């Protein structure tokens, strides 16, 4: 079993996936930051709860990218 190294940094694959489609047709998207390499990797879930009145779901991208790498 590999030992988790919190100082390790990884190249990232960033992808967009649909996680919900409302009856009205509105699509909600999720952005996944996935390290390249052999896992397992820990998971962090960051939910934007700004009700779309305080920035948007990409506002935390710099932090999300840093945490994922």
PDB file of N, CA and C in Angstrom:
ATOM      1  N   UNK A   1       0.832  -1.171   0.000  1.00  0.00           N
ATOM      2  CA  UNK A   1       0.000   0.000   0.000  1.00  0.00           C
ATOM      3  C   UNK A   1       0.883   1.242   0.000  1.00  0.00           C
ATOM      4  N   UNK A   2       0.506   2.230  -0.834  1.00  0.00           N
ATOM      5  CA  UNK A   2       1.242   3.484  -0.856  1.00  0.00           C
ATOM      6  C   UNK A   2       0.921   4.306   0.384  1.00  0.00           C
ATOM      7  N   UNK A   3       1.899   5.060   0.805  1.00  0.00           N
ATOM      8  CA  UNK A   3       1.722   5.962   1.939  1.00  0.00           C
ATOM      9  C   UNK A   3       1.380   7.343   1.392  1.00  0.00           C
ATOM     10  N   UNK A   4       0.394   7.984   1.959  1.00  0.00           N
ATOM     11  CA  UNK A   4      -0.013   9.322   1.535  1.00  0.00           C
ATOM     12  C   UNK A   4       1.079  10.326   1.856  1.00  0.00           C
ATOM     13  N   UNK A   5       1.453  11.125   0.859  1.00  0.00           N
ATOM     14  CA  UNK A   5       2.461  12.163   1.026  1.00  0.00           C
ATOM     15  C   UNK A   5       1.798  13.514   0.766  1.00  0.00           C
ATOM     16  N   UNK A   6       1.463  14.274   1.800  1.00  0.00           N
ATOM     17  CA  UNK A   6       0.766  15.543   1.595  1.00  0.00           C
ATOM     18  C   UNK A   6       1.593  16.579   0.847  1.00  0.00           C
ATOM     19  N   UNK A   7       2.909  16.396   0.748  1.00  0.00           N
ATOM     20  CA  UNK A   7       3.755  17.344   0.026  1.00  0.00           C
ATOM     21  C   UNK A   7       3.839  17.028  -1.466  1.00  0.00           C
ATOM     22  N   UNK A   8       3.341  15.873  -1.888  1.00  0.00           N
ATOM     23  CA  UNK A   8       3.411  15.487  -3.300  1.00  0.00           C
ATOM     24  C   UNK A   8       2.522  16.401  -4.140  1.00  0.00           C
ATOM     25  N   UNK A   9       2.988  16.731  -5.350  1.00  0.00           N
ATOM     26  CA  UNK A   9       2.221  17.555  -6.290  1.00  0.00           C
ATOM     27  C   UNK A   9       1.997  16.750  -7.556  1.00  0.00           C
ATOM     28  N   UNK A  10       0.840  16.927  -8.184  1.00  0.00           N
ATOM     29  CA  UNK A  10       0.466  16.153  -9.357  1.00  0.00           C
ATOM     30  C   UNK A  10      -0.026  17.066 -10.471  1.00  0.00           C
ATOM     31  N   UNK A  11       0.206  16.644 -11.712  1.00  0.00           N
ATOM     32  CA  UNK A  11      -0.433  17.290 -12.849  1.00  0.00           C
ATOM     33  C   UNK A  11      -1.914  16.953 -12.760  1.00  0.00           C
ATOM     34  N   UNK A  12      -2.768  17.846 -13.255  1.00  0.00           N
ATOM     35  CA  UNK A  12      -4.204  17.655 -13.110  1.00  0.00           C
ATOM     36  C   UNK A  12      -4.914  17.515 -14.444  1.00  0.00           C
ATOM     37  N   UNK A  13      -5.951  16.710 -14.450  1.00  0.00           N
ATOM     38  CA  UNK A  13      -6.907  16.658 -15.548  1.00  0.00           C
ATOM     39  C   UNK A  13      -8.160  17.343 -15.017  1.00  0.00           C
ATOM     40  N   UNK A  14      -8.663  18.339 -15.746  1.00  0.00           N
ATOM     41  CA  UNK A  14      -9.863  19.060 -15.337  1.00  0.00           C
ATOM     42  C   UNK A  14     -10.975  18.720 -16.321  1.00  0.00           C
ATOM     43  N   UNK A  15     -12.111  18.270 -15.806  1.00  0.00           N
ATOM     44  CA  UNK A  15     -13.226  17.930 -16.690  1.00  0.00           C
ATOM     45  C   UNK A  15     -14.527  18.480 -16.128  1.00  0.00           C
ATOM     46  N   UNK A  16     -15.467  18.727 -17.034  1.00  0.00           N
ATOM     47  CA  UNK A  16     -16.795  19.223 -16.679  1.00  0.00           C
ATOM     48  C   UNK A  16     -17.788  18.090 -16.893  1.00  0.00           C
ATOM     49  N   UNK A  17     -18.648  17.845 -15.923  1.00  0.00           N
ATOM     50  CA  UNK A  17     -19.662  16.802 -16.060  1.00  0.00           C
ATOM     51  C   UNK A  17     -21.025  17.349 -15.619  1.00  0.00           C
ATOM     52  N   UNK A  18     -22.049  16.906 -16.304  1.00  0.00           N
ATOM     53  CA  UNK A  18     -23.408  17.265 -15.921  1.00  0.00           C
ATOM     54  C   UNK A  18     -23.800  16.411 -14.719  1.00  0.00           C
ATOM     55  N   UNK A  19     -24.280  17.056 -13.653  1.00  0.00           N
ATOM     56  CA  UNK A  19     -24.716  16.255 -12.516  1.00  0.00           C
ATOM     57  C   UNK A  19     -26.209  16.386 -12.245  1.00  0.00           C
ATOM     58  N   UNK A  20     -26.856  17.341 -12.908  1.00  0.00           N
ATOM     59  CA  UNK A  20     -28.301  17.442 -12.750  1.00  0.00           C
ATOM     60  C   UNK A  20     -28.899  18.223 -13.906  1.00  0.00           C
ATOM     61  N   UNK A  21     -30.050  17.758 -14.368  1.00  0.00           N
ATOM     62  CA  UNK A  21     -30.803  18.464 -15.396  1.00  0.00           C
ATOM     63  C   UNK A  21     -32.217  18.665 -14.851  1.00  0.00           C
ATOM     64  N   UNK A  22     -32.621  19.925 -14.716  1.00  0.00           N
ATOM     65  CA  UNK A  22     -33.942  20.242 -14.180  1.00  0.00           C
ATOM     66  C   UNK A  22     -35.017  19.978 -15.233  1.00  0.00           C
ATOM     67  N   UNK A  23     -36.250  19.860 -14.788  1.00  0.00           N
ATOM     68  CA  UNK A  23     -37.371  19.654 -15.705  1.00  0.00           C
ATOM     69  C   UNK A  23     -37.461  20.790 -16.718  1.00  0.00           C
ATOM     70  N   UNK A  24     -37.003  21.975 -16.329  1.00  0.00           N
ATOM     71  CA  UNK A  24     -37.017  23.133 -17.230  1.00  0.00           C
ATOM     72  C   UNK A  24     -35.942  23.046 -18.304  1.00  0.00           C
ATOM     73  N   UNK A  25     -35.026  22.080 -18.148  1.00  0.00           N
ATOM     74  CA  UNK A  25     -33.926  21.933 -19.095  1.00  0.00           C
ATOM     75  C   UNK A  25     -32.617  22.541 -18.613  1.00  0.00           C
ATOM     76  N   UNK A  26     -32.664  23.270 -17.505  1.00  0.00           N
ATOM     77  CA  UNK A  26     -31.438  23.873 -16.972  1.00  0.00           C
ATOM     78  C   UNK A  26     -30.484  22.771 -16.521  1.00  0.00           C
ATOM     79  N   UNK A  27     -29.231  22.911 -16.912  1.00  0.00           N
ATOM     80  CA  UNK A  27     -28.213  21.912 -16.597  1.00  0.00           C
ATOM     81  C   UNK A  27     -27.277  22.471 -15.529  1.00  0.00           C
ATOM     82  N   UNK A  28     -27.017  21.680 -14.507  1.00  0.00           N
ATOM     83  CA  UNK A  28     -26.036  22.038 -13.486  1.00  0.00           C
ATOM     84  C   UNK A  28     -24.783  21.207 -13.730  1.00  0.00           C
ATOM     85  N   UNK A  29     -23.647  21.886 -13.741  1.00  0.00           N
ATOM     86  CA  UNK A  29     -22.380  21.243 -14.065  1.00  0.00           C
ATOM     87  C   UNK A  29     -21.493  21.143 -12.832  1.00  0.00           C
ATOM     88  N   UNK A  30     -20.635  20.142 -12.843  1.00  0.00           N
ATOM     89  CA  UNK A  30     -19.614  19.965 -11.808  1.00  0.00           C
ATOM     90  C   UNK A  30     -18.255  19.962 -12.493  1.00  0.00           C
ATOM     91  N   UNK A  31     -17.282  20.511 -11.841  1.00  0.00           N
ATOM     92  CA  UNK A  31     -15.910  20.496 -12.353  1.00  0.00           C
ATOM     93  C   UNK A  31     -15.123  19.518 -11.499  1.00  0.00           C
ATOM     94  N   UNK A  32     -14.418  18.592 -12.154  1.00  0.00           N
ATOM     95  CA  UNK A  32     -13.627  17.569 -11.463  1.00  0.00           C
ATOM     96  C   UNK A  32     -12.150  17.839 -11.719  1.00  0.00           C
ATOM     97  N   UNK A  33     -11.378  17.938 -10.646  1.00  0.00           N
ATOM     98  CA  UNK A  33      -9.925  18.076 -10.718  1.00  0.00           C
ATOM     99  C   UNK A  33      -9.359  16.722 -10.330  1.00  0.00           C
ATOM    100  N   UNK A  34      -8.745  16.054 -11.282  1.00  0.00           N
ATOM    101  CA  UNK A  34      -8.273  14.686 -11.044  1.00  0.00           C
ATOM    102  C   UNK A  34      -6.765  14.620 -11.278  1.00  0.00           C
ATOM    103  N   UNK A  35      -5.989  14.258 -10.261  1.00  0.00           N
ATOM    104  CA  UNK A  35      -4.545  14.134 -10.440  1.00  0.00           C
ATOM    105  C   UNK A  35      -4.204  13.005 -11.411  1.00  0.00           C
ATOM    106  N   UNK A  36      -3.183  13.243 -12.248  1.00  0.00           N
ATOM    107  CA  UNK A  36      -2.655  12.170 -13.090  1.00  0.00           C
ATOM    108  C   UNK A  36      -1.805  11.268 -12.207  1.00  0.00           C
ATOM    109  N   UNK A  37      -1.711  10.022 -12.561  1.00  0.00           N
ATOM    110  CA  UNK A  37      -0.864   9.103 -11.821  1.00  0.00           C
ATOM    111  C   UNK A  37      -1.665   7.995 -11.184  1.00  0.00           C
ATOM    112  N   UNK A  38      -0.931   7.132 -10.543  1.00  0.00           N
ATOM    113  CA  UNK A  38      -1.544   5.988  -9.890  1.00  0.00           C
ATOM    114  C   UNK A  38      -2.071   6.420  -8.525  1.00  0.00           C
ATOM    115  N   UNK A  39      -3.330   6.180  -8.272  1.00  0.00           N
ATOM    116  CA  UNK A  39      -3.960   6.519  -6.994  1.00  0.00           C
ATOM    117  C   UNK A  39      -3.686   5.430  -5.983  1.00  0.00           C
ATOM    118  N   UNK A  40      -4.417   5.336  -4.962  1.00  0.00           N
ATOM    119  CA  UNK A  40      -5.616   6.128  -4.706  1.00  0.00           C
ATOM    120  C   UNK A  40      -5.277   7.539  -4.230  1.00  0.00           C
ATOM    121  N   UNK A  41      -6.179   8.460  -4.524  1.00  0.00           N
ATOM    122  CA  UNK A  41      -6.033   9.837  -4.093  1.00  0.00           C
ATOM    123  C   UNK A  41      -7.182  10.184  -3.155  1.00  0.00           C
ATOM    124  N   UNK A  42      -6.952  11.072  -2.194  1.00  0.00           N
ATOM    125  CA  UNK A  42      -8.056  11.518  -1.345  1.00  0.00           C
ATOM    126  C   UNK A  42      -9.041  12.350  -2.171  1.00  0.00           C
ATOM    127  N   UNK A  43     -10.239  12.510  -1.665  1.00  0.00           N
ATOM    128  CA  UNK A  43     -11.279  13.274  -2.356  1.00  0.00           C
ATOM    129  C   UNK A  43     -11.664  14.482  -1.518  1.00  0.00           C
ATOM    130  N   UNK A  44     -11.870  15.604  -2.204  1.00  0.00           N
ATOM    131  CA  UNK A  44     -12.378  16.812  -1.569  1.00  0.00           C
ATOM    132  C   UNK A  44     -13.580  17.272  -2.379  1.00  0.00           C
ATOM    133  N   UNK A  45     -14.674  17.552  -1.734  1.00  0.00           N
ATOM    134  CA  UNK A  45     -15.869  18.047  -2.400  1.00  0.00           C
ATOM    135  C   UNK A  45     -16.072  19.489  -1.976  1.00  0.00           C
ATOM    136  N   UNK A  46     -16.045  20.408  -2.945  1.00  0.00           N
ATOM    137  CA  UNK A  46     -16.231  21.835  -2.687  1.00  0.00           C
ATOM    138  C   UNK A  46     -17.518  22.259  -3.387  1.00  0.00           C
ATOM    139  N   UNK A  47     -18.536  22.598  -2.618  1.00  0.00           N
ATOM    140  CA  UNK A  47     -19.822  22.996  -3.184  1.00  0.00           C
ATOM    141  C   UNK A  47     -19.975  24.501  -3.104  1.00  0.00           C
ATOM    142  N   UNK A  48     -20.317  25.117  -4.235  1.00  0.00           N
ATOM    143  CA  UNK A  48     -20.582  26.551  -4.247  1.00  0.00           C
ATOM    144  C   UNK A  48     -22.010  26.765  -3.776  1.00  0.00           C
ATOM    145  N   UNK A  49     -22.168  27.491  -2.703  1.00  0.00           N
ATOM    146  CA  UNK A  49     -23.505  27.711  -2.157  1.00  0.00           C
ATOM    147  C   UNK A  49     -23.913  29.166  -2.200  1.00  0.00           C
ATOM    148  N   UNK A  50     -23.436  29.909  -3.180  1.00  0.00           N
ATOM    149  CA  UNK A  50     -23.685  31.343  -3.240  1.00  0.00           C
ATOM    150  C   UNK A  50     -25.022  31.741  -3.818  1.00  0.00           C
ATOM    151  N   UNK A  51     -25.875  30.762  -4.110  1.00  0.00           N
ATOM    152  CA  UNK A  51     -27.197  31.041  -4.687  1.00  0.00           C
ATOM    153  C   UNK A  51     -27.077  31.933  -5.916  1.00  0.00           C
ATOM    154  N   UNK A  52     -25.947  31.832  -6.577  1.00  0.00           N
ATOM    155  CA  UNK A  52     -25.635  32.561  -7.817  1.00  0.00           C
ATOM    156  C   UNK A  52     -25.685  34.079  -7.617  1.00  0.00           C
ATOM    157  N   UNK A  53     -25.609  34.544  -6.387  1.00  0.00           N
ATOM    158  CA  UNK A  53     -25.570  35.990  -6.180  1.00  0.00           C
ATOM    159  C   UNK A  53     -24.222  36.434  -5.622  1.00  0.00           C
ATOM    160  N   UNK A  54     -23.327  35.501  -5.377  1.00  0.00           N
ATOM    161  CA  UNK A  54     -21.994  35.815  -4.882  1.00  0.00           C
ATOM    162  C   UNK A  54     -20.985  35.043  -5.719  1.00  0.00           C
ATOM    163  N   UNK A  55     -20.622  35.625  -6.852  1.00  0.00           N
ATOM    164  CA  UNK A  55     -19.711  35.008  -7.815  1.00  0.00           C
ATOM    165  C   UNK A  55     -20.379  33.797  -8.445  1.00  0.00           C
ATOM    166  N   UNK A  56     -19.596  32.794  -8.845  1.00  0.00           N
ATOM    167  CA  UNK A  56     -20.172  31.607  -9.475  1.00  0.00           C
ATOM    168  C   UNK A  56     -19.367  30.381  -9.081  1.00  0.00           C
ATOM    169  N   UNK A  57     -19.680  29.237  -9.682  1.00  0.00           N
ATOM    170  CA  UNK A  57     -19.057  27.979  -9.272  1.00  0.00           C
ATOM    171  C   UNK A  57     -17.571  27.908  -9.604  1.00  0.00           C
ATOM    172  N   UNK A  58     -17.070  28.822 -10.421  1.00  0.00           N
ATOM    173  CA  UNK A  58     -15.647  28.814 -10.767  1.00  0.00           C
ATOM    174  C   UNK A  58     -14.823  29.765  -9.903  1.00  0.00           C
ATOM    175  N   UNK A  59     -15.463  30.466  -8.979  1.00  0.00           N
ATOM    176  CA  UNK A  59     -14.770  31.454  -8.150  1.00  0.00           C
ATOM    177  C   UNK A  59     -13.656  30.837  -7.312  1.00  0.00           C
ATOM    178  N   UNK A  60     -13.824  29.591  -6.898  1.00  0.00           N
ATOM    179  CA  UNK A  60     -12.822  28.939  -6.050  1.00  0.00           C
ATOM    180  C   UNK A  60     -11.807  28.131  -6.849  1.00  0.00           C
ATOM    181  N   UNK A  61     -11.757  28.315  -8.172  1.00  0.00           N
ATOM    182  CA  UNK A  61     -10.864  27.499  -8.992  1.00  0.00           C
ATOM    183  C   UNK A  61      -9.408  27.530  -8.525  1.00  0.00           C
ATOM    184  N   UNK A  62      -8.816  28.680  -8.218  1.00  0.00           N
ATOM    185  CA  UNK A  62      -7.413  28.658  -7.768  1.00  0.00           C
ATOM    186  C   UNK A  62      -7.205  27.788  -6.525  1.00  0.00           C
ATOM    187  N   UNK A  63      -8.106  27.887  -5.560  1.00  0.00           N
ATOM    188  CA  UNK A  63      -7.985  27.071  -4.357  1.00  0.00           C
ATOM    189  C   UNK A  63      -8.217  25.593  -4.677  1.00  0.00           C
ATOM    190  N   UNK A  64      -9.249  25.300  -5.478  1.00  0.00           N
ATOM    191  CA  UNK A  64      -9.542  23.907  -5.831  1.00  0.00           C
ATOM    192  C   UNK A  64      -8.366  23.271  -6.560  1.00  0.00           C
ATOM    193  N   UNK A  65      -7.770  24.020  -7.484  1.00  0.00           N
ATOM    194  CA  UNK A  65      -6.628  23.508  -8.248  1.00  0.00           C
ATOM    195  C   UNK A  65      -5.443  23.236  -7.318  1.00  0.00           C
ATOM    196  N   UNK A  66      -5.189  24.144  -6.388  1.00  0.00           N
ATOM    197  CA  UNK A  66      -4.067  23.970  -5.458  1.00  0.00           C
ATOM    198  C   UNK A  66      -4.283  22.774  -4.537  1.00  0.00           C
ATOM    199  N   UNK A  67      -5.500  22.607  -4.050  1.00  0.00           N
ATOM    200  CA  UNK A  67      -5.792  21.485  -3.157  1.00  0.00           C
ATOM    201  C   UNK A  67      -5.678  20.163  -3.908  1.00  0.00           C
ATOM    202  N   UNK A  68      -6.159  20.123  -5.157  1.00  0.00           N
ATOM    203  CA  UNK A  68      -6.125  18.883  -5.941  1.00  0.00           C
ATOM    204  C   UNK A  68      -4.712  18.487  -6.330  1.00  0.00           C
ATOM    205  N   UNK A  69      -3.838  19.476  -6.536  1.00  0.00           N
ATOM    206  CA  UNK A  69      -2.471  19.171  -6.968  1.00  0.00           C
ATOM    207  C   UNK A  69      -1.631  18.742  -5.793  1.00  0.00           C
TER     208      UNK A  69
END
